[in-house]
Structures are given as C-alpha cells and as structure tokens.
Amino acid sequence: MKVKNCMEHFVEENIDAVLAQYPEACNCEKCQRDILILALNHLPPKYVATDKGDTYTRLDLYNQDQTLAVIREIAKAVEIIMRNPRHEVK
C-alpha cells in the first residue's frame, strides 16, 4: 500500500452532501477542488501506509465528533469559495 491521507478521501466523500445544502454554490470541478484544498488545509492529515492503519483511521473519522468537525470545515470552505470563486461568475 502506498502512503495516503485518509482525511483527503473522507473530505472527498462528504463534499457533495455539504454542497447539496448550498444550492446557490457553484459545484464545478474547479470550485470543488478549491473547497477540498481549503478544507484540508484546516484539518489534520491522517496518513496511513497499511490496510490495518487505514481501517483504524477510517473508524476514527466516522466517529460523530470527527465527522462533524470535517463537515464544519467543508461548510466553511464552501462559504469562502462562494464569496471568492476563481472563475467568472455566471
């Protein structure tokens, strides 16, 4: 197994659900990438290099407190990107 950041995968899995709560937000690929990057910059990385480590880390991330913290950071990122998109506003 290669080294991977489980937090990145967890944020990617939750972006669509958070964006659904913001119908006025752009969900183009560029905005989604910016949301992902901004949220990850405010969350602690969770690096793993084994399947066992991946399992334990994912279980921890699915803990209600951890999940809420991730959702909160994604929502903050959505609001910031909505106010400051890096592309032409339609």
PDB file of N, CA and C in Angstrom:
ATOM      1  N   MET A   1       0.851  -1.189   0.000  1.00  0.00           N
ATOM      2  CA  MET A   1       0.000   0.000   0.000  1.00  0.00           C
ATOM      3  C   MET A   1       0.886   1.238   0.000  1.00  0.00           C
ATOM      4  N   LYS A   2       0.519   2.213  -0.792  1.00  0.00           N
ATOM      5  CA  LYS A   2       1.210   3.492  -0.799  1.00  0.00           C
ATOM      6  C   LYS A   2       0.749   4.305   0.403  1.00  0.00           C
ATOM      7  N   VAL A   3       1.514   5.316   0.730  1.00  0.00           N
ATOM      8  CA  VAL A   3       1.114   6.239   1.794  1.00  0.00           C
ATOM      9  C   VAL A   3      -0.052   7.063   1.264  1.00  0.00           C
ATOM     10  N   LYS A   4      -1.079   7.198   2.091  1.00  0.00           N
ATOM     11  CA  LYS A   4      -2.210   8.027   1.673  1.00  0.00           C
ATOM     12  C   LYS A   4      -2.749   8.800   2.871  1.00  0.00           C
ATOM     13  N   ASN A   5      -3.414   9.883   2.555  1.00  0.00           N
ATOM     14  CA  ASN A   5      -4.029  10.728   3.571  1.00  0.00           C
ATOM     15  C   ASN A   5      -5.516  10.373   3.618  1.00  0.00           C
ATOM     16  N   CYS A   6      -5.918   9.651   4.645  1.00  0.00           N
ATOM     17  CA  CYS A   6      -7.328   9.245   4.779  1.00  0.00           C
ATOM     18  C   CYS A   6      -8.252  10.454   4.889  1.00  0.00           C
ATOM     19  N   MET A   7      -7.746  11.544   5.449  1.00  0.00           N
ATOM     20  CA  MET A   7      -8.574  12.745   5.580  1.00  0.00           C
ATOM     21  C   MET A   7      -8.993  13.247   4.203  1.00  0.00           C
ATOM     22  N   GLU A   8      -8.089  13.173   3.230  1.00  0.00           N
ATOM     23  CA  GLU A   8      -8.414  13.623   1.882  1.00  0.00           C
ATOM     24  C   GLU A   8      -9.583  12.819   1.317  1.00  0.00           C
ATOM     25  N   HIS A   9      -9.539  11.512   1.468  1.00  0.00           N
ATOM     26  CA  HIS A   9     -10.622  10.670   0.966  1.00  0.00           C
ATOM     27  C   HIS A   9     -11.921  10.940   1.716  1.00  0.00           C
ATOM     28  N   PHE A  10     -11.830  11.165   3.015  1.00  0.00           N
ATOM     29  CA  PHE A  10     -13.029  11.422   3.813  1.00  0.00           C
ATOM     30  C   PHE A  10     -13.683  12.741   3.400  1.00  0.00           C
ATOM     31  N   VAL A  11     -12.875  13.769   3.171  1.00  0.00           N
ATOM     32  CA  VAL A  11     -13.416  15.062   2.718  1.00  0.00           C
ATOM     33  C   VAL A  11     -14.043  14.901   1.339  1.00  0.00           C
ATOM     34  N   GLU A  12     -13.362  14.199   0.433  1.00  0.00           N
ATOM     35  CA  GLU A  12     -13.920  13.976  -0.908  1.00  0.00           C
ATOM     36  C   GLU A  12     -15.275  13.273  -0.841  1.00  0.00           C
ATOM     37  N   GLU A  13     -15.407  12.316   0.074  1.00  0.00           N
ATOM     38  CA  GLU A  13     -16.653  11.571   0.212  1.00  0.00           C
ATOM     39  C   GLU A  13     -17.801  12.448   0.719  1.00  0.00           C
ATOM     40  N   ASN A  14     -17.488  13.546   1.385  1.00  0.00           N
ATOM     41  CA  ASN A  14     -18.523  14.363   2.016  1.00  0.00           C
ATOM     42  C   ASN A  14     -18.811  15.693   1.327  1.00  0.00           C
ATOM     43  N   ILE A  15     -18.017  16.065   0.347  1.00  0.00           N
ATOM     44  CA  ILE A  15     -18.215  17.363  -0.314  1.00  0.00           C
ATOM     45  C   ILE A  15     -19.599  17.463  -0.960  1.00  0.00           C
ATOM     46  N   ASP A  16     -20.026  16.441  -1.683  1.00  0.00           N
ATOM     47  CA  ASP A  16     -21.321  16.509  -2.375  1.00  0.00           C
ATOM     48  C   ASP A  16     -22.475  16.707  -1.398  1.00  0.00           C
ATOM     49  N   ALA A  17     -22.430  16.027  -0.260  1.00  0.00           N
ATOM     50  CA  ALA A  17     -23.501  16.164   0.726  1.00  0.00           C
ATOM     51  C   ALA A  17     -23.544  17.579   1.292  1.00  0.00           C
ATOM     52  N   VAL A  18     -22.395  18.167   1.525  1.00  0.00           N
ATOM     53  CA  VAL A  18     -22.358  19.533   2.055  1.00  0.00           C
ATOM     54  C   VAL A  18     -22.803  20.512   0.975  1.00  0.00           C
ATOM     55  N   LEU A  19     -22.303  20.336  -0.247  1.00  0.00           N
ATOM     56  CA  LEU A  19     -22.705  21.234  -1.338  1.00  0.00           C
ATOM     57  C   LEU A  19     -24.211  21.190  -1.580  1.00  0.00           C
ATOM     58  N   ALA A  20     -24.846  20.067  -1.334  1.00  0.00           N
ATOM     59  CA  ALA A  20     -26.297  19.954  -1.515  1.00  0.00           C
ATOM     60  C   ALA A  20     -27.045  20.900  -0.580  1.00  0.00           C
ATOM     61  N   GLN A  21     -26.414  21.283   0.522  1.00  0.00           N
ATOM     62  CA  GLN A  21     -27.022  22.214   1.468  1.00  0.00           C
ATOM     63  C   GLN A  21     -26.863  23.671   1.026  1.00  0.00           C
ATOM     64  N   TYR A  22     -26.093  23.895  -0.038  1.00  0.00           N
ATOM     65  CA  TYR A  22     -25.837  25.233  -0.565  1.00  0.00           C
ATOM     66  C   TYR A  22     -26.206  25.265  -2.050  1.00  0.00           C
ATOM     67  N   PRO A  23     -27.508  25.322  -2.370  1.00  0.00           N
ATOM     68  CA  PRO A  23     -27.913  25.262  -3.782  1.00  0.00           C
ATOM     69  C   PRO A  23     -27.370  26.425  -4.618  1.00  0.00           C
ATOM     70  N   GLU A  24     -27.026  27.540  -3.982  1.00  0.00           N
ATOM     71  CA  GLU A  24     -26.506  28.689  -4.717  1.00  0.00           C
ATOM     72  C   GLU A  24     -25.007  28.572  -4.991  1.00  0.00           C
ATOM     73  N   ALA A  25     -24.347  27.574  -4.409  1.00  0.00           N
ATOM     74  CA  ALA A  25     -22.906  27.389  -4.583  1.00  0.00           C
ATOM     75  C   ALA A  25     -22.611  26.737  -5.926  1.00  0.00           C
ATOM     76  N   CYS A  26     -21.526  27.163  -6.528  1.00  0.00           N
ATOM     77  CA  CYS A  26     -21.051  26.543  -7.760  1.00  0.00           C
ATOM     78  C   CYS A  26     -20.443  25.188  -7.397  1.00  0.00           C
ATOM     79  N   ASN A  27     -20.770  24.180  -8.159  1.00  0.00           N
ATOM     80  CA  ASN A  27     -20.177  22.869  -7.885  1.00  0.00           C
ATOM     81  C   ASN A  27     -19.365  22.365  -9.078  1.00  0.00           C
ATOM     82  N   CYS A  28     -18.776  23.326  -9.813  1.00  0.00           N
ATOM     83  CA  CYS A  28     -17.900  22.941 -10.919  1.00  0.00           C
ATOM     84  C   CYS A  28     -16.642  22.283 -10.352  1.00  0.00           C
ATOM     85  N   GLU A  29     -15.896  21.643 -11.229  1.00  0.00           N
ATOM     86  CA  GLU A  29     -14.703  20.908 -10.799  1.00  0.00           C
ATOM     87  C   GLU A  29     -13.687  21.826 -10.109  1.00  0.00           C
ATOM     88  N   LYS A  30     -13.503  23.032 -10.641  1.00  0.00           N
ATOM     89  CA  LYS A  30     -12.535  23.968 -10.058  1.00  0.00           C
ATOM     90  C   LYS A  30     -12.959  24.384  -8.647  1.00  0.00           C
ATOM     91  N   CYS A  31     -14.233  24.687  -8.458  1.00  0.00           N
ATOM     92  CA  CYS A  31     -14.715  25.083  -7.132  1.00  0.00           C
ATOM     93  C   CYS A  31     -14.653  23.912  -6.148  1.00  0.00           C
ATOM     94  N   GLN A  32     -15.015  22.731  -6.609  1.00  0.00           N
ATOM     95  CA  GLN A  32     -14.932  21.564  -5.728  1.00  0.00           C
ATOM     96  C   GLN A  32     -13.488  21.304  -5.305  1.00  0.00           C
ATOM     97  N   ARG A  33     -12.559  21.459  -6.230  1.00  0.00           N
ATOM     98  CA  ARG A  33     -11.143  21.266  -5.901  1.00  0.00           C
ATOM     99  C   ARG A  33     -10.689  22.321  -4.892  1.00  0.00           C
ATOM    100  N   ASP A  34     -11.118  23.572  -5.082  1.00  0.00           N
ATOM    101  CA  ASP A  34     -10.758  24.634  -4.146  1.00  0.00           C
ATOM    102  C   ASP A  34     -11.350  24.383  -2.757  1.00  0.00           C
ATOM    103  N   ILE A  35     -12.572  23.898  -2.716  1.00  0.00           N
ATOM    104  CA  ILE A  35     -13.213  23.560  -1.437  1.00  0.00           C
ATOM    105  C   ILE A  35     -12.427  22.450  -0.747  1.00  0.00           C
ATOM    106  N   LEU A  36     -12.077  21.422  -1.498  1.00  0.00           N
ATOM    107  CA  LEU A  36     -11.304  20.306  -0.954  1.00  0.00           C
ATOM    108  C   LEU A  36      -9.983  20.804  -0.365  1.00  0.00           C
ATOM    109  N   ILE A  37      -9.253  21.596  -1.135  1.00  0.00           N
ATOM    110  CA  ILE A  37      -7.948  22.086  -0.692  1.00  0.00           C
ATOM    111  C   ILE A  37      -8.083  22.979   0.534  1.00  0.00           C
ATOM    112  N   LEU A  38      -9.039  23.884   0.518  1.00  0.00           N
ATOM    113  CA  LEU A  38      -9.222  24.788   1.646  1.00  0.00           C
ATOM    114  C   LEU A  38      -9.598  24.027   2.909  1.00  0.00           C
ATOM    115  N   ALA A  39     -10.509  23.082   2.787  1.00  0.00           N
ATOM    116  CA  ALA A  39     -10.907  22.288   3.955  1.00  0.00           C
ATOM    117  C   ALA A  39      -9.717  21.476   4.478  1.00  0.00           C
ATOM    118  N   LEU A  40      -8.968  20.843   3.578  1.00  0.00           N
ATOM    119  CA  LEU A  40      -7.819  20.032   4.002  1.00  0.00           C
ATOM    120  C   LEU A  40      -6.749  20.871   4.682  1.00  0.00           C
ATOM    121  N   ASN A  41      -6.606  22.114   4.259  1.00  0.00           N
ATOM    122  CA  ASN A  41      -5.612  22.984   4.899  1.00  0.00           C
ATOM    123  C   ASN A  41      -5.995  23.347   6.333  1.00  0.00           C
ATOM    124  N   HIS A  42      -7.247  23.114   6.704  1.00  0.00           N
ATOM    125  CA  HIS A  42      -7.704  23.423   8.062  1.00  0.00           C
ATOM    126  C   HIS A  42      -8.008  22.173   8.879  1.00  0.00           C
ATOM    127  N   LEU A  43      -7.694  21.012   8.332  1.00  0.00           N
ATOM    128  CA  LEU A  43      -7.918  19.746   9.031  1.00  0.00           C
ATOM    129  C   LEU A  43      -6.586  19.019   9.201  1.00  0.00           C
ATOM    130  N   PRO A  44      -6.457  18.240  10.271  1.00  0.00           N
ATOM    131  CA  PRO A  44      -5.199  17.496  10.454  1.00  0.00           C
ATOM    132  C   PRO A  44      -5.120  16.336   9.463  1.00  0.00           C
ATOM    133  N   PRO A  45      -3.949  16.123   8.867  1.00  0.00           N
ATOM    134  CA  PRO A  45      -3.805  14.979   7.965  1.00  0.00           C
ATOM    135  C   PRO A  45      -3.862  13.680   8.758  1.00  0.00           C
ATOM    136  N   LYS A  46      -4.300  12.634   8.100  1.00  0.00           N
ATOM    137  CA  LYS A  46      -4.367  11.295   8.701  1.00  0.00           C
ATOM    138  C   LYS A  46      -3.694  10.329   7.731  1.00  0.00           C
ATOM    139  N   TYR A  47      -2.366  10.279   7.796  1.00  0.00           N
ATOM    140  CA  TYR A  47      -1.607   9.439   6.883  1.00  0.00           C
ATOM    141  C   TYR A  47      -1.545   7.999   7.359  1.00  0.00           C
ATOM    142  N   VAL A  48      -1.658   7.075   6.414  1.00  0.00           N
ATOM    143  CA  VAL A  48      -1.543   5.646   6.704  1.00  0.00           C
ATOM    144  C   VAL A  48      -0.713   4.995   5.603  1.00  0.00           C
ATOM    145  N   ALA A  49      -0.157   3.831   5.950  1.00  0.00           N
ATOM    146  CA  ALA A  49       0.635   3.100   4.964  1.00  0.00           C
ATOM    147  C   ALA A  49       0.282   1.617   4.937  1.00  0.00           C
ATOM    148  N   THR A  50      -0.701   1.210   5.765  1.00  0.00           N
ATOM    149  CA  THR A  50      -1.117  -0.199   5.776  1.00  0.00           C
ATOM    150  C   THR A  50      -2.635  -0.268   5.741  1.00  0.00           C
ATOM    151  N   ASP A  51      -3.142  -1.414   5.337  1.00  0.00           N
ATOM    152  CA  ASP A  51      -4.592  -1.606   5.325  1.00  0.00           C
ATOM    153  C   ASP A  51      -5.164  -1.532   6.741  1.00  0.00           C
ATOM    154  N   LYS A  52      -4.433  -2.079   7.704  1.00  0.00           N
ATOM    155  CA  LYS A  52      -4.887  -2.047   9.095  1.00  0.00           C
ATOM    156  C   LYS A  52      -4.964  -0.599   9.591  1.00  0.00           C
ATOM    157  N   GLY A  53      -3.939   0.189   9.282  1.00  0.00           N
ATOM    158  CA  GLY A  53      -3.949   1.603   9.661  1.00  0.00           C
ATOM    159  C   GLY A  53      -5.091   2.347   9.006  1.00  0.00           C
ATOM    160  N   ASP A  54      -5.375   2.004   7.750  1.00  0.00           N
ATOM    161  CA  ASP A  54      -6.482   2.623   7.023  1.00  0.00           C
ATOM    162  C   ASP A  54      -7.806   2.318   7.714  1.00  0.00           C
ATOM    163  N   THR A  55      -7.988   1.081   8.123  1.00  0.00           N
ATOM    164  CA  THR A  55      -9.231   0.674   8.795  1.00  0.00           C
ATOM    165  C   THR A  55      -9.410   1.421  10.109  1.00  0.00           C
ATOM    166  N   TYR A  56      -8.375   1.454  10.931  1.00  0.00           N
ATOM    167  CA  TYR A  56      -8.475   2.144  12.224  1.00  0.00           C
ATOM    168  C   TYR A  56      -8.709   3.641  12.052  1.00  0.00           C
ATOM    169  N   THR A  57      -8.020   4.227  11.089  1.00  0.00           N
ATOM    170  CA  THR A  57      -8.171   5.666  10.859  1.00  0.00           C
ATOM    171  C   THR A  57      -9.565   5.993  10.355  1.00  0.00           C
ATOM    172  N   ARG A  58     -10.082   5.197   9.440  1.00  0.00           N
ATOM    173  CA  ARG A  58     -11.442   5.440   8.937  1.00  0.00           C
ATOM    174  C   ARG A  58     -12.479   5.281  10.043  1.00  0.00           C
ATOM    175  N   LEU A  59     -12.300   4.285  10.897  1.00  0.00           N
ATOM    176  CA  LEU A  59     -13.219   4.123  12.028  1.00  0.00           C
ATOM    177  C   LEU A  59     -13.204   5.362  12.909  1.00  0.00           C
ATOM    178  N   ASP A  60     -12.023   5.914  13.136  1.00  0.00           N
ATOM    179  CA  ASP A  60     -11.912   7.126  13.942  1.00  0.00           C
ATOM    180  C   ASP A  60     -12.597   8.308  13.251  1.00  0.00           C
ATOM    181  N   LEU A  61     -12.426   8.410  11.937  1.00  0.00           N
ATOM    182  CA  LEU A  61     -13.036   9.520  11.201  1.00  0.00           C
ATOM    183  C   LEU A  61     -14.561   9.433  11.199  1.00  0.00           C
ATOM    184  N   TYR A  62     -15.092   8.231  11.273  1.00  0.00           N
ATOM    185  CA  TYR A  62     -16.550   8.081  11.293  1.00  0.00           C
ATOM    186  C   TYR A  62     -17.140   8.320  12.675  1.00  0.00           C
ATOM    187  N   ASN A  63     -16.297   8.582  13.660  1.00  0.00           N
ATOM    188  CA  ASN A  63     -16.750   8.992  14.986  1.00  0.00           C
ATOM    189  C   ASN A  63     -17.534  10.299  14.812  1.00  0.00           C
ATOM    190  N   GLN A  64     -18.626  10.453  15.521  1.00  0.00           N
ATOM    191  CA  GLN A  64     -19.510  11.601  15.327  1.00  0.00           C
ATOM    192  C   GLN A  64     -18.791  12.942  15.481  1.00  0.00           C
ATOM    193  N   ASP A  65     -17.930  13.077  16.471  1.00  0.00           N
ATOM    194  CA  ASP A  65     -17.214  14.339  16.671  1.00  0.00           C
ATOM    195  C   ASP A  65     -16.292  14.649  15.502  1.00  0.00           C
ATOM    196  N   GLN A  66     -15.578  13.637  15.031  1.00  0.00           N
ATOM    197  CA  GLN A  66     -14.675  13.815  13.893  1.00  0.00           C
ATOM    198  C   GLN A  66     -15.460  14.174  12.630  1.00  0.00           C
ATOM    199  N   THR A  67     -16.545  13.466  12.399  1.00  0.00           N
ATOM    200  CA  THR A  67     -17.366  13.724  11.217  1.00  0.00           C
ATOM    201  C   THR A  67     -17.907  15.148  11.239  1.00  0.00           C
ATOM    202  N   LEU A  68     -18.393  15.591  12.393  1.00  0.00           N
ATOM    203  CA  LEU A  68     -18.918  16.957  12.499  1.00  0.00           C
ATOM    204  C   LEU A  68     -17.831  17.995  12.257  1.00  0.00           C
ATOM    205  N   ALA A  69     -16.625  17.742  12.744  1.00  0.00           N
ATOM    206  CA  ALA A  69     -15.518  18.677  12.524  1.00  0.00           C
ATOM    207  C   ALA A  69     -15.187  18.783  11.036  1.00  0.00           C
ATOM    208  N   VAL A  70     -15.195  17.656  10.352  1.00  0.00           N
ATOM    209  CA  VAL A  70     -14.910  17.648   8.916  1.00  0.00           C
ATOM    210  C   VAL A  70     -16.019  18.367   8.154  1.00  0.00           C
ATOM    211  N   ILE A  71     -17.256  18.068   8.469  1.00  0.00           N
ATOM    212  CA  ILE A  71     -18.397  18.718   7.801  1.00  0.00           C
ATOM    213  C   ILE A  71     -18.355  20.234   8.027  1.00  0.00           C
ATOM    214  N   ARG A  72     -18.019  20.636   9.236  1.00  0.00           N
ATOM    215  CA  ARG A  72     -17.933  22.065   9.563  1.00  0.00           C
ATOM    216  C   ARG A  72     -16.855  22.748   8.715  1.00  0.00           C
ATOM    217  N   GLU A  73     -15.702  22.106   8.557  1.00  0.00           N
ATOM    218  CA  GLU A  73     -14.636  22.705   7.749  1.00  0.00           C
ATOM    219  C   GLU A  73     -15.007  22.749   6.269  1.00  0.00           C
ATOM    220  N   ILE A  74     -15.686  21.726   5.787  1.00  0.00           N
ATOM    221  CA  ILE A  74     -16.138  21.746   4.389  1.00  0.00           C
ATOM    222  C   ILE A  74     -17.139  22.890   4.198  1.00  0.00           C
ATOM    223  N   ALA A  75     -18.063  23.049   5.124  1.00  0.00           N
ATOM    224  CA  ALA A  75     -19.064  24.121   5.023  1.00  0.00           C
ATOM    225  C   ALA A  75     -18.397  25.496   5.037  1.00  0.00           C
ATOM    226  N   LYS A  76     -17.402  25.679   5.893  1.00  0.00           N
ATOM    227  CA  LYS A  76     -16.667  26.953   5.917  1.00  0.00           C
ATOM    228  C   LYS A  76     -15.991  27.188   4.573  1.00  0.00           C
ATOM    229  N   ALA A  77     -15.401  26.147   4.027  1.00  0.00           N
ATOM    230  CA  ALA A  77     -14.724  26.262   2.737  1.00  0.00           C
ATOM    231  C   ALA A  77     -15.721  26.602   1.625  1.00  0.00           C
ATOM    232  N   VAL A  78     -16.891  25.983   1.650  1.00  0.00           N
ATOM    233  CA  VAL A  78     -17.919  26.276   0.646  1.00  0.00           C
ATOM    234  C   VAL A  78     -18.290  27.755   0.705  1.00  0.00           C
ATOM    235  N   GLU A  79     -18.504  28.262   1.905  1.00  0.00           N
ATOM    236  CA  GLU A  79     -18.894  29.671   2.055  1.00  0.00           C
ATOM    237  C   GLU A  79     -17.803  30.617   1.562  1.00  0.00           C
ATOM    238  N   ILE A  80     -16.549  30.295   1.837  1.00  0.00           N
ATOM    239  CA  ILE A  80     -15.445  31.135   1.379  1.00  0.00           C
ATOM    240  C   ILE A  80     -15.330  31.092  -0.139  1.00  0.00           C
ATOM    241  N   ILE A  81     -15.409  29.917  -0.723  1.00  0.00           N
ATOM    242  CA  ILE A  81     -15.297  29.788  -2.179  1.00  0.00           C
ATOM    243  C   ILE A  81     -16.496  30.422  -2.875  1.00  0.00           C
ATOM    244  N   MET A  82     -17.673  30.362  -2.254  1.00  0.00           N
ATOM    245  CA  MET A  82     -18.850  31.025  -2.839  1.00  0.00           C
ATOM    246  C   MET A  82     -18.603  32.532  -2.955  1.00  0.00           C
ATOM    247  N   ARG A  83     -17.973  33.109  -1.945  1.00  0.00           N
ATOM    248  CA  ARG A  83     -17.704  34.553  -1.952  1.00  0.00           C
ATOM    249  C   ARG A  83     -16.515  34.921  -2.832  1.00  0.00           C
ATOM    250  N   ASN A  84     -15.631  33.960  -3.070  1.00  0.00           N
ATOM    251  CA  ASN A  84     -14.398  34.243  -3.796  1.00  0.00           C
ATOM    252  C   ASN A  84     -14.094  33.171  -4.840  1.00  0.00           C
ATOM    253  N   PRO A  85     -14.985  32.961  -5.800  1.00  0.00           N
ATOM    254  CA  PRO A  85     -14.695  31.940  -6.814  1.00  0.00           C
ATOM    255  C   PRO A  85     -13.506  32.368  -7.672  1.00  0.00           C
ATOM    256  N   ARG A  86     -12.759  31.391  -8.170  1.00  0.00           N
ATOM    257  CA  ARG A  86     -11.586  31.708  -9.007  1.00  0.00           C
ATOM    258  C   ARG A  86     -11.936  31.633 -10.490  1.00  0.00           C
ATOM    259  N   HIS A  87     -13.203  31.754 -10.817  1.00  0.00           N
ATOM    260  CA  HIS A  87     -13.612  31.764 -12.219  1.00  0.00           C
ATOM    261  C   HIS A  87     -14.690  32.815 -12.388  1.00  0.00           C
ATOM    262  N   GLU A  88     -15.051  33.064 -13.631  1.00  0.00           N
ATOM    263  CA  GLU A  88     -16.093  34.038 -13.919  1.00  0.00           C
ATOM    264  C   GLU A  88     -17.416  33.607 -13.292  1.00  0.00           C
ATOM    265  N   VAL A  89     -18.091  34.508 -12.625  1.00  0.00           N
ATOM    266  CA  VAL A  89     -19.403  34.217 -12.067  1.00  0.00           C
ATOM    267  C   VAL A  89     -20.428  34.356 -13.164  1.00  0.00           C
ATOM    268  N   LYS A  90     -21.284  33.344 -13.284  1.00  0.00           N
ATOM    269  CA  LYS A  90     -22.284  33.335 -14.363  1.00  0.00           C
ATOM    270  C   LYS A  90     -23.439  34.238 -14.036  1.00  0.00           C
TER     271      LYS A  90
END
